[in-house]
Structure formats: structure tokens, C-alpha cells
Amino acid sequence: MKKYFLILACLVCSFAAVAQDFKLPQRLELATVDLQVGDDDSLLRAEENLEVFNMPIDGENHYYLSVGHLGIGDDVIQFNIDPIFELFIPIGDTVAEAMDNLKELQSLFKGPKGGSMEIEGCLAAAFPNDNLEKVTVTYQKVLLTKVLAFSVEREGYVRATHIPKSQFNSLISSLKLYRKLHPKEI
């Protein structure tokens, strides 16, 4: 019994020594908008965040747009069953670049219905990584709501989320306010 305890203690100590060198990256939130899917009485109610954040790595800033968790399905029906993976869109290395890229996405609302653009993004858990893939952003009108659909096509299915125009505009307004409050950040 003492032998097993000693082996377990050595494993715990070695893991603790190795874990000290491992650092999780920081997500420094700049602007966020809460998206509510479903109404207050619905069992399928979920809360999503549309977020612009900075993730400094080795002293360099990297700004990302997180559009939240993607549903799984096809072009018409999406099931939101993945609470872990988020879609991250790299939007620049400065706040000004981030604002320009968000305004470019916002310009899709002024175009024709069905207008789209392709950008790079990554589908990852908690933090973006270097595994970029093609993300299609499409302007759609659903009933009376104008939305941007962010979708990633996989073999046989589509992962997508829909961001209403009002929430996307709120995110841009929040980022503008952040720039006014922090003028030293470029």
C-alpha cells in the first residue's frame, strides 16, 4: 500500500512541477453583447456572447471576434448541442484594424440579400488556435430580422450561428466607446 501511495505522490509532484511552466493565454474583453436564443419561458433558452477580445501572446496583441457556439445541422435547421467550441475570427493586431474589419462585416447589411464573403476563422474550445479554416458570412433576412450567418461547412453538415443586425451594431458601438475610453491603445 505504501508503494502505491509513494508512486502516486511522485506523479502528483512531477505533474505540479511541469504544470508551473504551462500558462493559459488571457482573454481581455474589449466589448461584448449578450445574445439570447429563445424566450424566457422556453426550455431551449440559451445565452450566447458576441465578443471582441484581445489575446496578448509574447507581448503582441491579437484581436478576435467570438461569435459564440455554433449549431450543427444544414442550411435550414440548426441544433445547438455543442456548449464547448466557439468560432473565433481574427480581426487584427490593433484596435483600429479590429474596427475596420468589423465595419467590413457590417457592410454586408447594406448589400443584397444573400450577399456573402469568405473569411478565416477557427473553431476551438475556450481559446483561438492556429488551425484556421474558411468561414462563410452571409447576409440573410429571416421574417422581419436581418442577420449575419457565420457558417463552417464540414463533411455532410454545416455548423452555423446567426447574429442579428441590432446586436452586431451594439458590438460596434461598444468597441467605439472602448476606443474613446482608451485612446492610448492604437
C-alpha atoms as a PDB file:
ATOM      1  CA  MET A   1       0.000   0.000   0.000  1.00  0.00           C
ATOM      2  CA  LYS A   2       2.858   2.382   0.843  1.00  0.00           C
ATOM      3  CA  LYS A   3       4.402   1.637  -2.538  1.00  0.00           C
ATOM      4  CA  TYR A   4       1.264   2.779  -4.406  1.00  0.00           C
ATOM      5  CA  PHE A   5       0.956   5.877  -2.262  1.00  0.00           C
ATOM      6  CA  LEU A   6       4.605   6.747  -2.932  1.00  0.00           C
ATOM      7  CA  ILE A   7       4.148   6.288  -6.695  1.00  0.00           C
ATOM      8  CA  LEU A   8       1.014   8.464  -6.635  1.00  0.00           C
ATOM      9  CA  ALA A   9       2.825  11.159  -4.624  1.00  0.00           C
ATOM     10  CA  CYS A  10       5.712  11.171  -7.127  1.00  0.00           C
ATOM     11  CA  LEU A  11       3.290  11.510 -10.040  1.00  0.00           C
ATOM     12  CA  VAL A  12       1.469  14.410  -8.378  1.00  0.00           C
ATOM     13  CA  CYS A  13       4.756  16.194  -7.610  1.00  0.00           C
ATOM     14  CA  SER A  14       6.091  15.733 -11.145  1.00  0.00           C
ATOM     15  CA  PHE A  15       2.800  16.932 -12.649  1.00  0.00           C
ATOM     16  CA  ALA A  16       2.816  20.000 -10.397  1.00  0.00           C
ATOM     17  CA  ALA A  17       6.392  20.815 -11.426  1.00  0.00           C
ATOM     18  CA  VAL A  18       5.577  20.563 -15.137  1.00  0.00           C
ATOM     19  CA  ALA A  19       2.286  22.454 -14.789  1.00  0.00           C
ATOM     20  CA  GLN A  20       4.052  25.538 -13.452  1.00  0.00           C
ATOM     21  CA  ASP A  21       5.606  26.230 -16.861  1.00  0.00           C
ATOM     22  CA  PHE A  22       2.274  25.936 -18.678  1.00  0.00           C
ATOM     23  CA  LYS A  23       0.467  29.270 -18.985  1.00  0.00           C
ATOM     24  CA  LEU A  24      -3.065  29.716 -20.239  1.00  0.00           C
ATOM     25  CA  PRO A  25      -3.491  32.675 -22.579  1.00  0.00           C
ATOM     26  CA  GLN A  26      -5.535  35.608 -21.341  1.00  0.00           C
ATOM     27  CA  ARG A  27      -8.761  36.774 -22.961  1.00  0.00           C
ATOM     28  CA  LEU A  28      -9.016  40.512 -22.317  1.00  0.00           C
ATOM     29  CA  GLU A  29     -12.571  41.537 -23.151  1.00  0.00           C
ATOM     30  CA  LEU A  30     -12.997  44.837 -25.020  1.00  0.00           C
ATOM     31  CA  ALA A  31     -16.667  44.725 -25.976  1.00  0.00           C
ATOM     32  CA  THR A  32     -19.425  42.183 -25.507  1.00  0.00           C
ATOM     33  CA  VAL A  33     -23.104  41.805 -26.340  1.00  0.00           C
ATOM     34  CA  ASP A  34     -25.368  39.158 -24.837  1.00  0.00           C
ATOM     35  CA  LEU A  35     -27.416  37.187 -27.338  1.00  0.00           C
ATOM     36  CA  GLN A  36     -30.455  35.356 -26.033  1.00  0.00           C
ATOM     37  CA  VAL A  37     -31.716  32.404 -28.009  1.00  0.00           C
ATOM     38  CA  GLY A  38     -35.306  31.521 -27.131  1.00  0.00           C
ATOM     39  CA  ASP A  39     -37.694  33.385 -24.855  1.00  0.00           C
ATOM     40  CA  ASP A  40     -37.710  33.488 -21.051  1.00  0.00           C
ATOM     41  CA  ASP A  41     -40.221  30.622 -20.717  1.00  0.00           C
ATOM     42  CA  SER A  42     -38.575  28.347 -23.270  1.00  0.00           C
ATOM     43  CA  LEU A  43     -36.746  25.190 -22.241  1.00  0.00           C
ATOM     44  CA  LEU A  44     -34.366  25.778 -25.152  1.00  0.00           C
ATOM     45  CA  ARG A  45     -33.243  29.150 -23.826  1.00  0.00           C
ATOM     46  CA  ALA A  46     -29.514  29.698 -24.192  1.00  0.00           C
ATOM     47  CA  GLU A  47     -27.291  32.674 -23.586  1.00  0.00           C
ATOM     48  CA  GLU A  48     -24.546  33.438 -26.043  1.00  0.00           C
ATOM     49  CA  ASN A  49     -21.976  36.185 -26.122  1.00  0.00           C
ATOM     50  CA  LEU A  50     -20.829  38.136 -29.131  1.00  0.00           C
ATOM     51  CA  GLU A  51     -17.437  39.378 -28.041  1.00  0.00           C
ATOM     52  CA  VAL A  52     -14.362  41.293 -29.197  1.00  0.00           C
ATOM     53  CA  PHE A  53     -11.308  40.463 -27.132  1.00  0.00           C
ATOM     54  CA  ASN A  54      -7.550  40.858 -27.086  1.00  0.00           C
ATOM     55  CA  MET A  55      -5.309  37.871 -26.520  1.00  0.00           C
ATOM     56  CA  PRO A  56      -1.727  39.077 -25.981  1.00  0.00           C
ATOM     57  CA  ILE A  57       0.899  36.469 -26.820  1.00  0.00           C
ATOM     58  CA  ASP A  58       4.577  37.208 -26.143  1.00  0.00           C
ATOM     59  CA  GLY A  59       3.850  40.931 -25.815  1.00  0.00           C
ATOM     60  CA  GLU A  60       1.987  41.188 -29.140  1.00  0.00           C
ATOM     61  CA  ASN A  61      -1.734  41.967 -29.278  1.00  0.00           C
ATOM     62  CA  HIS A  62      -4.094  39.784 -31.298  1.00  0.00           C
ATOM     63  CA  TYR A  63      -7.756  40.831 -31.530  1.00  0.00           C
ATOM     64  CA  TYR A  64     -10.544  38.320 -32.163  1.00  0.00           C
ATOM     65  CA  LEU A  65     -14.290  38.300 -32.702  1.00  0.00           C
ATOM     66  CA  SER A  66     -16.063  35.437 -30.949  1.00  0.00           C
ATOM     67  CA  VAL A  67     -19.499  34.742 -32.408  1.00  0.00           C
ATOM     68  CA  GLY A  68     -20.286  32.136 -29.783  1.00  0.00           C
ATOM     69  CA  HIS A  69     -21.187  28.471 -30.077  1.00  0.00           C
ATOM     70  CA  LEU A  70     -22.265  27.047 -33.416  1.00  0.00           C
ATOM     71  CA  GLY A  71     -25.227  24.838 -34.090  1.00  0.00           C
ATOM     72  CA  ILE A  72     -24.999  21.583 -36.036  1.00  0.00           C
ATOM     73  CA  GLY A  73     -27.296  20.839 -38.967  1.00  0.00           C
ATOM     74  CA  ASP A  74     -27.876  22.002 -42.504  1.00  0.00           C
ATOM     75  CA  ASP A  75     -28.668  25.326 -44.187  1.00  0.00           C
ATOM     76  CA  VAL A  76     -32.183  25.476 -42.702  1.00  0.00           C
ATOM     77  CA  ILE A  77     -32.202  23.661 -39.339  1.00  0.00           C
ATOM     78  CA  GLN A  78     -29.507  24.031 -36.667  1.00  0.00           C
ATOM     79  CA  PHE A  79     -29.378  22.207 -33.324  1.00  0.00           C
ATOM     80  CA  ASN A  80     -27.417  23.956 -30.570  1.00  0.00           C
ATOM     81  CA  ILE A  81     -25.896  20.995 -28.758  1.00  0.00           C
ATOM     82  CA  ASP A  82     -22.211  21.985 -28.547  1.00  0.00           C
ATOM     83  CA  PRO A  83     -21.560  24.167 -25.485  1.00  0.00           C
ATOM     84  CA  ILE A  84     -17.767  23.886 -25.724  1.00  0.00           C
ATOM     85  CA  PHE A  85     -16.479  25.015 -29.119  1.00  0.00           C
ATOM     86  CA  GLU A  86     -16.657  28.683 -30.168  1.00  0.00           C
ATOM     87  CA  LEU A  87     -15.997  30.286 -33.536  1.00  0.00           C
ATOM     88  CA  PHE A  88     -13.151  32.807 -33.386  1.00  0.00           C
ATOM     89  CA  ILE A  89     -12.453  35.267 -36.203  1.00  0.00           C
ATOM     90  CA  PRO A  90      -9.055  37.035 -36.158  1.00  0.00           C
ATOM     91  CA  ILE A  91      -9.750  40.731 -36.793  1.00  0.00           C
ATOM     92  CA  GLY A  92      -6.352  42.362 -36.483  1.00  0.00           C
ATOM     93  CA  ASP A  93      -3.401  43.304 -34.336  1.00  0.00           C
ATOM     94  CA  THR A  94      -4.659  46.781 -33.335  1.00  0.00           C
ATOM     95  CA  VAL A  95      -7.996  48.170 -32.194  1.00  0.00           C
ATOM     96  CA  ALA A  96      -8.173  50.252 -35.399  1.00  0.00           C
ATOM     97  CA  GLU A  97      -7.744  47.124 -37.564  1.00  0.00           C
ATOM     98  CA  ALA A  98     -10.372  45.341 -35.496  1.00  0.00           C
ATOM     99  CA  MET A  99     -12.822  48.211 -36.027  1.00  0.00           C
ATOM    100  CA  ASP A 100     -12.139  48.271 -39.789  1.00  0.00           C
ATOM    101  CA  ASN A 101     -12.735  44.518 -40.106  1.00  0.00           C
ATOM    102  CA  LEU A 102     -15.975  44.722 -38.109  1.00  0.00           C
ATOM    103  CA  LYS A 103     -17.186  47.582 -40.309  1.00  0.00           C
ATOM    104  CA  GLU A 104     -16.417  45.467 -43.370  1.00  0.00           C
ATOM    105  CA  LEU A 105     -18.629  42.711 -41.965  1.00  0.00           C
ATOM    106  CA  GLN A 106     -21.282  45.308 -41.113  1.00  0.00           C
ATOM    107  CA  SER A 107     -21.289  46.487 -44.741  1.00  0.00           C
ATOM    108  CA  LEU A 108     -22.930  43.180 -45.705  1.00  0.00           C
ATOM    109  CA  PHE A 109     -26.170  44.521 -44.180  1.00  0.00           C
ATOM    110  CA  LYS A 110     -26.203  47.244 -46.874  1.00  0.00           C
ATOM    111  CA  GLY A 111     -25.794  44.755 -49.720  1.00  0.00           C
ATOM    112  CA  PRO A 112     -28.310  42.463 -51.383  1.00  0.00           C
ATOM    113  CA  LYS A 113     -29.982  39.618 -49.532  1.00  0.00           C
ATOM    114  CA  GLY A 114     -27.816  36.526 -49.832  1.00  0.00           C
ATOM    115  CA  GLY A 115     -24.614  38.541 -50.226  1.00  0.00           C
ATOM    116  CA  SER A 116     -21.663  36.790 -48.638  1.00  0.00           C
ATOM    117  CA  MET A 117     -17.941  36.896 -48.029  1.00  0.00           C
ATOM    118  CA  GLU A 118     -15.372  34.336 -47.014  1.00  0.00           C
ATOM    119  CA  ILE A 119     -13.022  34.947 -44.100  1.00  0.00           C
ATOM    120  CA  GLU A 120     -10.665  32.875 -41.994  1.00  0.00           C
ATOM    121  CA  GLY A 121     -11.659  31.619 -38.546  1.00  0.00           C
ATOM    122  CA  CYS A 122     -11.089  28.789 -36.126  1.00  0.00           C
ATOM    123  CA  LEU A 123     -13.494  26.585 -34.251  1.00  0.00           C
ATOM    124  CA  ALA A 124     -11.865  25.852 -30.903  1.00  0.00           C
ATOM    125  CA  ALA A 125     -12.572  25.374 -27.203  1.00  0.00           C
ATOM    126  CA  ALA A 126     -12.086  28.470 -24.997  1.00  0.00           C
ATOM    127  CA  PHE A 127      -9.131  29.990 -26.888  1.00  0.00           C
ATOM    128  CA  PRO A 128      -8.365  30.507 -30.586  1.00  0.00           C
ATOM    129  CA  ASN A 129      -5.568  28.489 -32.155  1.00  0.00           C
ATOM    130  CA  ASP A 130      -3.669  28.445 -35.459  1.00  0.00           C
ATOM    131  CA  ASN A 131      -5.984  25.935 -37.179  1.00  0.00           C
ATOM    132  CA  LEU A 132      -7.744  28.420 -39.460  1.00  0.00           C
ATOM    133  CA  GLU A 133     -10.444  27.350 -41.865  1.00  0.00           C
ATOM    134  CA  LYS A 134     -12.864  29.002 -44.284  1.00  0.00           C
ATOM    135  CA  VAL A 135     -15.864  30.730 -42.688  1.00  0.00           C
ATOM    136  CA  THR A 136     -18.694  31.998 -44.874  1.00  0.00           C
ATOM    137  CA  VAL A 137     -20.533  35.106 -43.652  1.00  0.00           C
ATOM    138  CA  THR A 138     -23.905  35.552 -45.364  1.00  0.00           C
ATOM    139  CA  TYR A 139     -26.465  38.356 -45.068  1.00  0.00           C
ATOM    140  CA  GLN A 140     -29.959  36.907 -44.594  1.00  0.00           C
ATOM    141  CA  LYS A 141     -33.438  38.216 -43.897  1.00  0.00           C
ATOM    142  CA  VAL A 142     -35.394  35.904 -41.610  1.00  0.00           C
ATOM    143  CA  LEU A 143     -39.004  37.091 -41.294  1.00  0.00           C
ATOM    144  CA  LEU A 144     -38.527  40.697 -40.101  1.00  0.00           C
ATOM    145  CA  THR A 145     -34.994  40.261 -38.786  1.00  0.00           C
ATOM    146  CA  LYS A 146     -31.758  40.965 -40.637  1.00  0.00           C
ATOM    147  CA  VAL A 147     -28.951  38.600 -39.602  1.00  0.00           C
ATOM    148  CA  LEU A 148     -25.401  37.640 -40.472  1.00  0.00           C
ATOM    149  CA  ALA A 149     -24.964  33.866 -40.683  1.00  0.00           C
ATOM    150  CA  PHE A 150     -21.476  32.647 -39.809  1.00  0.00           C
ATOM    151  CA  SER A 151     -21.094  29.101 -41.141  1.00  0.00           C
ATOM    152  CA  VAL A 152     -18.412  26.450 -41.397  1.00  0.00           C
ATOM    153  CA  GLU A 153     -19.035  23.575 -43.799  1.00  0.00           C
ATOM    154  CA  ARG A 154     -17.933  20.124 -42.756  1.00  0.00           C
ATOM    155  CA  GLU A 155     -18.368  16.766 -44.455  1.00  0.00           C
ATOM    156  CA  GLY A 156     -22.127  16.282 -44.707  1.00  0.00           C
ATOM    157  CA  TYR A 157     -23.208  19.022 -42.301  1.00  0.00           C
ATOM    158  CA  VAL A 158     -22.970  22.740 -41.599  1.00  0.00           C
ATOM    159  CA  ARG A 159     -22.053  24.437 -38.318  1.00  0.00           C
ATOM    160  CA  ALA A 160     -23.585  27.910 -38.102  1.00  0.00           C
ATOM    161  CA  THR A 161     -24.769  30.748 -35.904  1.00  0.00           C
ATOM    162  CA  HIS A 162     -26.898  33.786 -36.703  1.00  0.00           C
ATOM    163  CA  ILE A 163     -26.165  37.283 -35.379  1.00  0.00           C
ATOM    164  CA  PRO A 164     -28.987  39.876 -35.597  1.00  0.00           C
ATOM    165  CA  LYS A 165     -28.165  43.294 -37.018  1.00  0.00           C
ATOM    166  CA  SER A 166     -29.100  45.100 -33.796  1.00  0.00           C
ATOM    167  CA  GLN A 167     -26.657  43.050 -31.697  1.00  0.00           C
ATOM    168  CA  PHE A 168     -23.857  43.404 -34.246  1.00  0.00           C
ATOM    169  CA  ASN A 169     -24.376  47.184 -34.328  1.00  0.00           C
ATOM    170  CA  SER A 170     -24.331  47.231 -30.496  1.00  0.00           C
ATOM    171  CA  LEU A 171     -20.995  45.415 -30.528  1.00  0.00           C
ATOM    172  CA  ILE A 172     -19.510  48.022 -32.881  1.00  0.00           C
ATOM    173  CA  SER A 173     -20.873  50.845 -30.709  1.00  0.00           C
ATOM    174  CA  SER A 174     -19.346  49.218 -27.625  1.00  0.00           C
ATOM    175  CA  LEU A 175     -15.983  48.947 -29.369  1.00  0.00           C
ATOM    176  CA  LYS A 176     -16.175  52.629 -30.391  1.00  0.00           C
ATOM    177  CA  LEU A 177     -16.821  53.528 -26.755  1.00  0.00           C
ATOM    178  CA  TYR A 178     -13.848  51.398 -25.698  1.00  0.00           C
ATOM    179  CA  ARG A 179     -11.626  53.287 -28.166  1.00  0.00           C
ATOM    180  CA  LYS A 180     -12.768  56.624 -26.704  1.00  0.00           C
ATOM    181  CA  LEU A 181     -12.118  55.461 -23.152  1.00  0.00           C
ATOM    182  CA  HIS A 182      -8.684  54.015 -24.032  1.00  0.00           C
ATOM    183  CA  PRO A 183      -7.156  56.407 -26.598  1.00  0.00           C
ATOM    184  CA  LYS A 184      -3.604  55.178 -25.973  1.00  0.00           C
ATOM    185  CA  GLU A 185      -4.421  51.798 -27.494  1.00  0.00           C
ATOM    186  CA  ILE A 186      -3.985  52.093 -31.229  1.00  0.00           C
END
